[in-house]
């Protein structure tokens, strides 16, 4: 199965703007066929704004941002690529693993080409892409993109300051508060109670009512059903994050004697 078949059919908002430019490079001839609606797979119009178009644009957005975050500290670790492969395979299937890696490597090539003439060119394009995502994806979908990126950042067992800075940068242009990023960075750590409070974005000195309100707010934002329109695989990926938020809440409630 050739590159572009995984992200095929209705392309949604990635047919235009900076994401469209990167898609044209990364998907090449496949993108041209899909964009023209002449790909030989009838019944799937290009760029029609359907749920399938949103899903495919979401998937490509994830790969674009991953290509930026993976090189934030100046090198791409084997563990990061392996995490990306495993993540694609487990959530989206074997063909997505192969094609997703092809797309990532094409995006690395594009970065080299752009940076030869201007070292800030690719970075500026990523900022523009993030702004395009903010205009076209729901807040909850953007949060899920950040969660995917954090999984990659955590792959080698350490989180470099450059990677955190890149996550914050992407979040700002996607119109997500950096506090949301820091909260998700503390998910699944199995660390201290202080980390659990950071997950809920509340101070350890908060009242019980404030803790409950903070949990309700987090549960509403991160509920898996909020991203169900992007496909069952994305919704299942969101469930893990939701469970970790609930686990943090349970530890705080237990420590406080709350129920």
C-alpha atoms as a PDB file:
ATOM      1  CA  UNK A   1       0.000   0.000   0.000  1.00  0.00           C
ATOM      2  CA  UNK A   2       1.561   3.276  -1.141  1.00  0.00           C
ATOM      3  CA  UNK A   3       2.065   6.467   0.787  1.00  0.00           C
ATOM      4  CA  UNK A   4      -1.122   8.486   1.123  1.00  0.00           C
ATOM      5  CA  UNK A   5      -3.547   5.539   1.217  1.00  0.00           C
ATOM      6  CA  UNK A   6      -3.870   5.723   5.004  1.00  0.00           C
ATOM      7  CA  UNK A   7      -4.744   9.411   4.846  1.00  0.00           C
ATOM      8  CA  UNK A   8      -7.014   9.197   1.837  1.00  0.00           C
ATOM      9  CA  UNK A   9     -10.367  10.291   0.538  1.00  0.00           C
ATOM     10  CA  UNK A  10     -11.928  13.390   2.057  1.00  0.00           C
ATOM     11  CA  UNK A  11      -9.088  15.656   3.143  1.00  0.00           C
ATOM     12  CA  UNK A  12     -10.928  18.334   5.086  1.00  0.00           C
ATOM     13  CA  UNK A  13      -9.086  21.527   5.980  1.00  0.00           C
ATOM     14  CA  UNK A  14      -5.578  20.262   5.150  1.00  0.00           C
ATOM     15  CA  UNK A  15      -6.157  20.856   1.433  1.00  0.00           C
ATOM     16  CA  UNK A  16      -5.348  24.532   1.945  1.00  0.00           C
ATOM     17  CA  UNK A  17      -2.960  26.793   3.820  1.00  0.00           C
ATOM     18  CA  UNK A  18       0.421  25.739   5.226  1.00  0.00           C
ATOM     19  CA  UNK A  19      -0.815  22.225   6.027  1.00  0.00           C
ATOM     20  CA  UNK A  20      -1.809  21.817   2.396  1.00  0.00           C
ATOM     21  CA  UNK A  21       1.688  22.845   1.333  1.00  0.00           C
ATOM     22  CA  UNK A  22       3.284  20.220   3.585  1.00  0.00           C
ATOM     23  CA  UNK A  23       0.747  17.606   2.483  1.00  0.00           C
ATOM     24  CA  UNK A  24       1.576  18.272  -1.163  1.00  0.00           C
ATOM     25  CA  UNK A  25       5.241  17.611  -0.418  1.00  0.00           C
ATOM     26  CA  UNK A  26       4.790  14.664   1.963  1.00  0.00           C
ATOM     27  CA  UNK A  27       2.102  12.850  -0.020  1.00  0.00           C
ATOM     28  CA  UNK A  28       3.244  13.970  -3.478  1.00  0.00           C
ATOM     29  CA  UNK A  29       1.340  12.462  -6.369  1.00  0.00           C
ATOM     30  CA  UNK A  30      -1.111  10.760  -4.021  1.00  0.00           C
ATOM     31  CA  UNK A  31      -2.108  14.149  -2.615  1.00  0.00           C
ATOM     32  CA  UNK A  32      -2.626  15.604  -6.091  1.00  0.00           C
ATOM     33  CA  UNK A  33      -4.906  12.724  -7.064  1.00  0.00           C
ATOM     34  CA  UNK A  34      -6.897  12.961  -3.848  1.00  0.00           C
ATOM     35  CA  UNK A  35      -7.154  16.730  -4.036  1.00  0.00           C
ATOM     36  CA  UNK A  36      -8.434  16.498  -7.610  1.00  0.00           C
ATOM     37  CA  UNK A  37     -10.904  13.799  -6.629  1.00  0.00           C
ATOM     38  CA  UNK A  38      -9.384  11.460  -9.254  1.00  0.00           C
ATOM     39  CA  UNK A  39      -7.783   8.832  -7.083  1.00  0.00           C
ATOM     40  CA  UNK A  40      -9.764   5.920  -8.501  1.00  0.00           C
ATOM     41  CA  UNK A  41     -11.560   5.180  -5.248  1.00  0.00           C
ATOM     42  CA  UNK A  42     -15.111   6.354  -5.999  1.00  0.00           C
ATOM     43  CA  UNK A  43     -17.554   7.712  -3.491  1.00  0.00           C
ATOM     44  CA  UNK A  44     -15.004   9.712  -1.439  1.00  0.00           C
ATOM     45  CA  UNK A  45     -14.900  13.364  -2.483  1.00  0.00           C
ATOM     46  CA  UNK A  46     -11.865  15.503  -1.658  1.00  0.00           C
ATOM     47  CA  UNK A  47     -11.998  18.367   0.820  1.00  0.00           C
ATOM     48  CA  UNK A  48     -15.713  18.036   1.554  1.00  0.00           C
ATOM     49  CA  UNK A  49     -15.520  18.944   5.238  1.00  0.00           C
ATOM     50  CA  UNK A  50     -17.068  15.655   6.405  1.00  0.00           C
ATOM     51  CA  UNK A  51     -16.126  13.823   9.592  1.00  0.00           C
ATOM     52  CA  UNK A  52     -13.750  11.710   7.491  1.00  0.00           C
ATOM     53  CA  UNK A  53     -12.084  14.869   6.234  1.00  0.00           C
ATOM     54  CA  UNK A  54     -11.668  16.117   9.801  1.00  0.00           C
ATOM     55  CA  UNK A  55     -10.198  12.782  10.853  1.00  0.00           C
ATOM     56  CA  UNK A  56      -7.692  12.687   8.009  1.00  0.00           C
ATOM     57  CA  UNK A  57      -6.661  16.291   8.596  1.00  0.00           C
ATOM     58  CA  UNK A  58      -6.258  15.432  12.301  1.00  0.00           C
ATOM     59  CA  UNK A  59      -4.016  12.477  11.448  1.00  0.00           C
ATOM     60  CA  UNK A  60      -1.817  14.502   9.141  1.00  0.00           C
ATOM     61  CA  UNK A  61      -1.654  17.323  11.706  1.00  0.00           C
ATOM     62  CA  UNK A  62      -0.406  14.810  14.266  1.00  0.00           C
ATOM     63  CA  UNK A  63       2.430  13.708  11.968  1.00  0.00           C
ATOM     64  CA  UNK A  64       3.383  17.308  11.117  1.00  0.00           C
ATOM     65  CA  UNK A  65       3.642  18.277  14.781  1.00  0.00           C
ATOM     66  CA  UNK A  66       5.462  15.038  15.628  1.00  0.00           C
ATOM     67  CA  UNK A  67       8.091  15.788  12.981  1.00  0.00           C
ATOM     68  CA  UNK A  68       8.760  19.103  14.731  1.00  0.00           C
ATOM     69  CA  UNK A  69       8.718  17.857  18.332  1.00  0.00           C
ATOM     70  CA  UNK A  70      10.944  14.854  17.603  1.00  0.00           C
ATOM     71  CA  UNK A  71      13.757  17.151  16.452  1.00  0.00           C
ATOM     72  CA  UNK A  72      13.263  19.783  19.149  1.00  0.00           C
ATOM     73  CA  UNK A  73      16.403  18.723  21.041  1.00  0.00           C
ATOM     74  CA  UNK A  74      18.472  18.461  17.855  1.00  0.00           C
ATOM     75  CA  UNK A  75      18.281  14.707  17.369  1.00  0.00           C
ATOM     76  CA  UNK A  76      15.716  12.027  16.670  1.00  0.00           C
ATOM     77  CA  UNK A  77      16.060   9.166  19.119  1.00  0.00           C
ATOM     78  CA  UNK A  78      15.443   5.579  18.051  1.00  0.00           C
ATOM     79  CA  UNK A  79      13.066   5.250  21.003  1.00  0.00           C
ATOM     80  CA  UNK A  80      11.013   8.189  19.691  1.00  0.00           C
ATOM     81  CA  UNK A  81      10.641   6.659  16.240  1.00  0.00           C
ATOM     82  CA  UNK A  82       9.808   3.292  17.753  1.00  0.00           C
ATOM     83  CA  UNK A  83       7.174   4.902  19.979  1.00  0.00           C
ATOM     84  CA  UNK A  84       5.668   6.582  16.926  1.00  0.00           C
ATOM     85  CA  UNK A  85       5.632   3.275  15.004  1.00  0.00           C
ATOM     86  CA  UNK A  86       4.074   1.390  17.919  1.00  0.00           C
ATOM     87  CA  UNK A  87       1.553   4.128  18.549  1.00  0.00           C
ATOM     88  CA  UNK A  88       0.428   4.179  14.912  1.00  0.00           C
ATOM     89  CA  UNK A  89       0.334   0.381  14.735  1.00  0.00           C
ATOM     90  CA  UNK A  90      -1.627  -0.064  17.971  1.00  0.00           C
ATOM     91  CA  UNK A  91      -4.120   2.719  17.351  1.00  0.00           C
ATOM     92  CA  UNK A  92      -4.489   2.888  13.568  1.00  0.00           C
ATOM     93  CA  UNK A  93      -3.218  -0.403  12.128  1.00  0.00           C
ATOM     94  CA  UNK A  94      -0.158  -1.873  10.420  1.00  0.00           C
ATOM     95  CA  UNK A  95      -0.521   0.146   7.213  1.00  0.00           C
ATOM     96  CA  UNK A  96      -0.613   3.366   9.222  1.00  0.00           C
ATOM     97  CA  UNK A  97       2.667   2.395  10.901  1.00  0.00           C
ATOM     98  CA  UNK A  98       4.491   2.061   7.576  1.00  0.00           C
ATOM     99  CA  UNK A  99       2.913   5.032   5.837  1.00  0.00           C
ATOM    100  CA  UNK A 100       3.103   7.266   8.905  1.00  0.00           C
ATOM    101  CA  UNK A 101       6.851   6.708   9.122  1.00  0.00           C
ATOM    102  CA  UNK A 102       7.183   7.467   5.406  1.00  0.00           C
ATOM    103  CA  UNK A 103       5.346  10.746   5.891  1.00  0.00           C
ATOM    104  CA  UNK A 104       7.452  11.685   8.932  1.00  0.00           C
ATOM    105  CA  UNK A 105      10.659  11.084   6.978  1.00  0.00           C
ATOM    106  CA  UNK A 106       9.369  13.158   4.073  1.00  0.00           C
ATOM    107  CA  UNK A 107       8.633  15.964   6.514  1.00  0.00           C
ATOM    108  CA  UNK A 108      12.200  15.706   7.857  1.00  0.00           C
ATOM    109  CA  UNK A 109      13.384  16.140   4.265  1.00  0.00           C
ATOM    110  CA  UNK A 110      11.169  19.158   3.816  1.00  0.00           C
ATOM    111  CA  UNK A 111      12.580  20.720   6.962  1.00  0.00           C
ATOM    112  CA  UNK A 112      16.136  20.325   5.640  1.00  0.00           C
ATOM    113  CA  UNK A 113      15.187  21.908   2.336  1.00  0.00           C
ATOM    114  CA  UNK A 114      13.427  24.860   3.938  1.00  0.00           C
ATOM    115  CA  UNK A 115      16.117  25.478   6.549  1.00  0.00           C
ATOM    116  CA  UNK A 116      18.862  25.680   3.919  1.00  0.00           C
ATOM    117  CA  UNK A 117      17.549  29.069   2.840  1.00  0.00           C
ATOM    118  CA  UNK A 118      16.153  30.210   6.208  1.00  0.00           C
ATOM    119  CA  UNK A 119      16.867  28.451   9.534  1.00  0.00           C
ATOM    120  CA  UNK A 120      13.515  29.662  10.856  1.00  0.00           C
ATOM    121  CA  UNK A 121      11.463  28.669   7.800  1.00  0.00           C
ATOM    122  CA  UNK A 122      10.167  25.308   9.020  1.00  0.00           C
ATOM    123  CA  UNK A 123       9.561  26.608  12.524  1.00  0.00           C
ATOM    124  CA  UNK A 124       7.484  29.463  11.127  1.00  0.00           C
ATOM    125  CA  UNK A 125       5.534  27.003   8.984  1.00  0.00           C
ATOM    126  CA  UNK A 126       4.813  24.852  12.046  1.00  0.00           C
ATOM    127  CA  UNK A 127       3.477  27.923  13.843  1.00  0.00           C
ATOM    128  CA  UNK A 128       1.236  28.685  10.877  1.00  0.00           C
ATOM    129  CA  UNK A 129       0.089  25.057  10.771  1.00  0.00           C
ATOM    130  CA  UNK A 130      -0.726  25.130  14.491  1.00  0.00           C
ATOM    131  CA  UNK A 131      -2.790  28.284  13.957  1.00  0.00           C
ATOM    132  CA  UNK A 132      -4.603  26.548  11.079  1.00  0.00           C
ATOM    133  CA  UNK A 133      -5.354  23.620  13.385  1.00  0.00           C
ATOM    134  CA  UNK A 134      -6.716  26.028  16.003  1.00  0.00           C
ATOM    135  CA  UNK A 135      -9.109  27.449  13.430  1.00  0.00           C
ATOM    136  CA  UNK A 136     -10.363  24.054  12.260  1.00  0.00           C
ATOM    137  CA  UNK A 137     -10.186  21.532  15.106  1.00  0.00           C
ATOM    138  CA  UNK A 138     -12.196  21.476  18.303  1.00  0.00           C
ATOM    139  CA  UNK A 139     -10.426  22.329  21.540  1.00  0.00           C
ATOM    140  CA  UNK A 140     -10.691  18.715  22.670  1.00  0.00           C
ATOM    141  CA  UNK A 141      -9.128  17.438  19.430  1.00  0.00           C
ATOM    142  CA  UNK A 142      -6.229  19.860  19.900  1.00  0.00           C
ATOM    143  CA  UNK A 143      -5.735  18.595  23.436  1.00  0.00           C
ATOM    144  CA  UNK A 144      -5.549  15.063  22.044  1.00  0.00           C
ATOM    145  CA  UNK A 145      -2.865  16.161  19.583  1.00  0.00           C
ATOM    146  CA  UNK A 146      -0.811  17.487  22.506  1.00  0.00           C
ATOM    147  CA  UNK A 147      -1.287  14.200  24.344  1.00  0.00           C
ATOM    148  CA  UNK A 148       0.041  12.260  21.340  1.00  0.00           C
ATOM    149  CA  UNK A 149       3.100  14.525  21.218  1.00  0.00           C
ATOM    150  CA  UNK A 150       3.753  14.053  24.929  1.00  0.00           C
ATOM    151  CA  UNK A 151       3.808  10.271  24.475  1.00  0.00           C
ATOM    152  CA  UNK A 152       6.598  10.703  21.937  1.00  0.00           C
ATOM    153  CA  UNK A 153       8.520  13.137  24.157  1.00  0.00           C
ATOM    154  CA  UNK A 154       8.411  10.656  27.045  1.00  0.00           C
ATOM    155  CA  UNK A 155       9.650   7.776  24.883  1.00  0.00           C
ATOM    156  CA  UNK A 156      13.314   7.857  25.899  1.00  0.00           C
ATOM    157  CA  UNK A 157      12.601   8.150  29.611  1.00  0.00           C
ATOM    158  CA  UNK A 158      13.601  11.793  29.868  1.00  0.00           C
ATOM    159  CA  UNK A 159      12.022  15.050  28.817  1.00  0.00           C
ATOM    160  CA  UNK A 160      14.480  17.633  27.521  1.00  0.00           C
ATOM    161  CA  UNK A 161      13.839  21.295  28.242  1.00  0.00           C
ATOM    162  CA  UNK A 162      13.916  21.957  24.482  1.00  0.00           C
ATOM    163  CA  UNK A 163      11.083  19.463  24.024  1.00  0.00           C
ATOM    164  CA  UNK A 164       8.974  21.124  26.712  1.00  0.00           C
ATOM    165  CA  UNK A 165       9.635  24.520  25.111  1.00  0.00           C
ATOM    166  CA  UNK A 166       8.537  23.131  21.724  1.00  0.00           C
ATOM    167  CA  UNK A 167       5.366  21.675  23.252  1.00  0.00           C
ATOM    168  CA  UNK A 168       4.580  25.036  24.849  1.00  0.00           C
ATOM    169  CA  UNK A 169       5.253  26.807  21.553  1.00  0.00           C
ATOM    170  CA  UNK A 170       2.917  24.536  19.592  1.00  0.00           C
ATOM    171  CA  UNK A 171       0.250  24.839  22.294  1.00  0.00           C
ATOM    172  CA  UNK A 172       0.337  28.645  22.226  1.00  0.00           C
ATOM    173  CA  UNK A 173      -0.216  28.725  18.455  1.00  0.00           C
ATOM    174  CA  UNK A 174      -3.001  26.156  18.806  1.00  0.00           C
ATOM    175  CA  UNK A 175      -4.529  28.471  21.423  1.00  0.00           C
ATOM    176  CA  UNK A 176      -4.081  26.022  24.289  1.00  0.00           C
ATOM    177  CA  UNK A 177      -2.798  27.361  27.650  1.00  0.00           C
ATOM    178  CA  UNK A 178       0.641  26.011  28.565  1.00  0.00           C
ATOM    179  CA  UNK A 179      -0.887  24.931  31.902  1.00  0.00           C
ATOM    180  CA  UNK A 180      -2.771  22.265  29.945  1.00  0.00           C
ATOM    181  CA  UNK A 181       0.520  20.941  28.584  1.00  0.00           C
ATOM    182  CA  UNK A 182       2.096  20.861  32.032  1.00  0.00           C
ATOM    183  CA  UNK A 183      -0.957  19.063  33.398  1.00  0.00           C
ATOM    184  CA  UNK A 184      -0.710  16.345  30.738  1.00  0.00           C
ATOM    185  CA  UNK A 185       3.052  16.039  31.251  1.00  0.00           C
ATOM    186  CA  UNK A 186       2.256  14.927  34.816  1.00  0.00           C
ATOM    187  CA  UNK A 187      -0.213  12.249  33.731  1.00  0.00           C
ATOM    188  CA  UNK A 188       0.776   8.646  34.298  1.00  0.00           C
ATOM    189  CA  UNK A 189       3.876   9.528  36.228  1.00  0.00           C
ATOM    190  CA  UNK A 190       2.935   7.628  39.349  1.00  0.00           C
ATOM    191  CA  UNK A 191       4.766  10.325  41.255  1.00  0.00           C
ATOM    192  CA  UNK A 192       3.882  12.416  44.261  1.00  0.00           C
ATOM    193  CA  UNK A 193       0.565  13.817  45.356  1.00  0.00           C
ATOM    194  CA  UNK A 194       1.858  17.189  44.208  1.00  0.00           C
ATOM    195  CA  UNK A 195       1.973  15.767  40.676  1.00  0.00           C
ATOM    196  CA  UNK A 196      -1.651  14.687  41.010  1.00  0.00           C
ATOM    197  CA  UNK A 197      -2.642  18.225  41.937  1.00  0.00           C
ATOM    198  CA  UNK A 198      -0.792  19.475  38.851  1.00  0.00           C
ATOM    199  CA  UNK A 199      -2.812  17.048  36.731  1.00  0.00           C
ATOM    200  CA  UNK A 200      -6.023  18.639  38.020  1.00  0.00           C
ATOM    201  CA  UNK A 201      -4.478  22.112  37.645  1.00  0.00           C
ATOM    202  CA  UNK A 202      -5.244  22.983  41.258  1.00  0.00           C
ATOM    203  CA  UNK A 203      -3.123  23.910  44.288  1.00  0.00           C
ATOM    204  CA  UNK A 204      -2.602  21.480  47.185  1.00  0.00           C
ATOM    205  CA  UNK A 205      -4.021  24.256  49.395  1.00  0.00           C
ATOM    206  CA  UNK A 206      -7.312  24.291  47.485  1.00  0.00           C
ATOM    207  CA  UNK A 207     -10.519  23.522  49.349  1.00  0.00           C
ATOM    208  CA  UNK A 208     -12.357  20.248  48.812  1.00  0.00           C
ATOM    209  CA  UNK A 209     -14.979  22.059  46.747  1.00  0.00           C
ATOM    210  CA  UNK A 210     -12.280  23.619  44.583  1.00  0.00           C
ATOM    211  CA  UNK A 211     -10.731  20.184  44.020  1.00  0.00           C
ATOM    212  CA  UNK A 212     -14.099  18.748  43.009  1.00  0.00           C
ATOM    213  CA  UNK A 213     -14.726  21.639  40.644  1.00  0.00           C
ATOM    214  CA  UNK A 214     -11.256  21.236  39.118  1.00  0.00           C
ATOM    215  CA  UNK A 215     -11.853  17.531  38.539  1.00  0.00           C
ATOM    216  CA  UNK A 216     -15.244  18.148  36.920  1.00  0.00           C
ATOM    217  CA  UNK A 217     -13.648  20.700  34.598  1.00  0.00           C
ATOM    218  CA  UNK A 218     -10.849  18.311  33.625  1.00  0.00           C
ATOM    219  CA  UNK A 219     -13.230  15.380  33.143  1.00  0.00           C
ATOM    220  CA  UNK A 220     -15.421  17.460  30.851  1.00  0.00           C
ATOM    221  CA  UNK A 221     -12.505  18.652  28.699  1.00  0.00           C
ATOM    222  CA  UNK A 222     -10.844  15.251  28.370  1.00  0.00           C
ATOM    223  CA  UNK A 223     -13.829  12.921  28.094  1.00  0.00           C
ATOM    224  CA  UNK A 224     -13.195  10.404  25.273  1.00  0.00           C
ATOM    225  CA  UNK A 225     -16.587  11.098  23.720  1.00  0.00           C
ATOM    226  CA  UNK A 226     -15.373  14.629  22.914  1.00  0.00           C
ATOM    227  CA  UNK A 227     -13.105  13.196  20.189  1.00  0.00           C
ATOM    228  CA  UNK A 228     -15.396  10.373  19.045  1.00  0.00           C
ATOM    229  CA  UNK A 229     -15.989  12.142  15.712  1.00  0.00           C
ATOM    230  CA  UNK A 230     -12.321  11.515  14.853  1.00  0.00           C
ATOM    231  CA  UNK A 231     -12.785   7.757  14.958  1.00  0.00           C
ATOM    232  CA  UNK A 232     -12.967   4.924  17.447  1.00  0.00           C
ATOM    233  CA  UNK A 233      -9.186   4.525  17.522  1.00  0.00           C
ATOM    234  CA  UNK A 234      -8.673   8.152  18.579  1.00  0.00           C
ATOM    235  CA  UNK A 235     -11.440   7.833  21.175  1.00  0.00           C
ATOM    236  CA  UNK A 236      -9.775   4.736  22.642  1.00  0.00           C
ATOM    237  CA  UNK A 237      -6.447   6.553  22.822  1.00  0.00           C
ATOM    238  CA  UNK A 238      -8.197   9.330  24.748  1.00  0.00           C
ATOM    239  CA  UNK A 239      -9.570   6.811  27.256  1.00  0.00           C
ATOM    240  CA  UNK A 240      -6.093   6.185  28.688  1.00  0.00           C
ATOM    241  CA  UNK A 241      -5.646   9.866  29.472  1.00  0.00           C
ATOM    242  CA  UNK A 242      -9.133  10.005  31.013  1.00  0.00           C
ATOM    243  CA  UNK A 243      -8.353   7.029  33.238  1.00  0.00           C
ATOM    244  CA  UNK A 244      -5.139   8.678  34.444  1.00  0.00           C
ATOM    245  CA  UNK A 245      -7.032  11.848  35.342  1.00  0.00           C
ATOM    246  CA  UNK A 246      -9.478   9.732  37.332  1.00  0.00           C
ATOM    247  CA  UNK A 247      -6.590   7.947  39.062  1.00  0.00           C
ATOM    248  CA  UNK A 248      -5.048  11.286  40.099  1.00  0.00           C
ATOM    249  CA  UNK A 249      -8.430  12.400  41.422  1.00  0.00           C
ATOM    250  CA  UNK A 250      -8.858   9.181  43.415  1.00  0.00           C
ATOM    251  CA  UNK A 251      -5.445   9.568  45.086  1.00  0.00           C
ATOM    252  CA  UNK A 252      -6.217  13.148  46.062  1.00  0.00           C
ATOM    253  CA  UNK A 253      -9.676  12.217  47.339  1.00  0.00           C
ATOM    254  CA  UNK A 254      -8.225   9.364  49.396  1.00  0.00           C
ATOM    255  CA  UNK A 255      -5.537  11.601  50.905  1.00  0.00           C
ATOM    256  CA  UNK A 256      -8.188  14.140  51.885  1.00  0.00           C
ATOM    257  CA  UNK A 257     -10.759  11.613  53.090  1.00  0.00           C
ATOM    258  CA  UNK A 258     -13.182  12.757  50.408  1.00  0.00           C
ATOM    259  CA  UNK A 259     -15.766  10.700  48.593  1.00  0.00           C
END
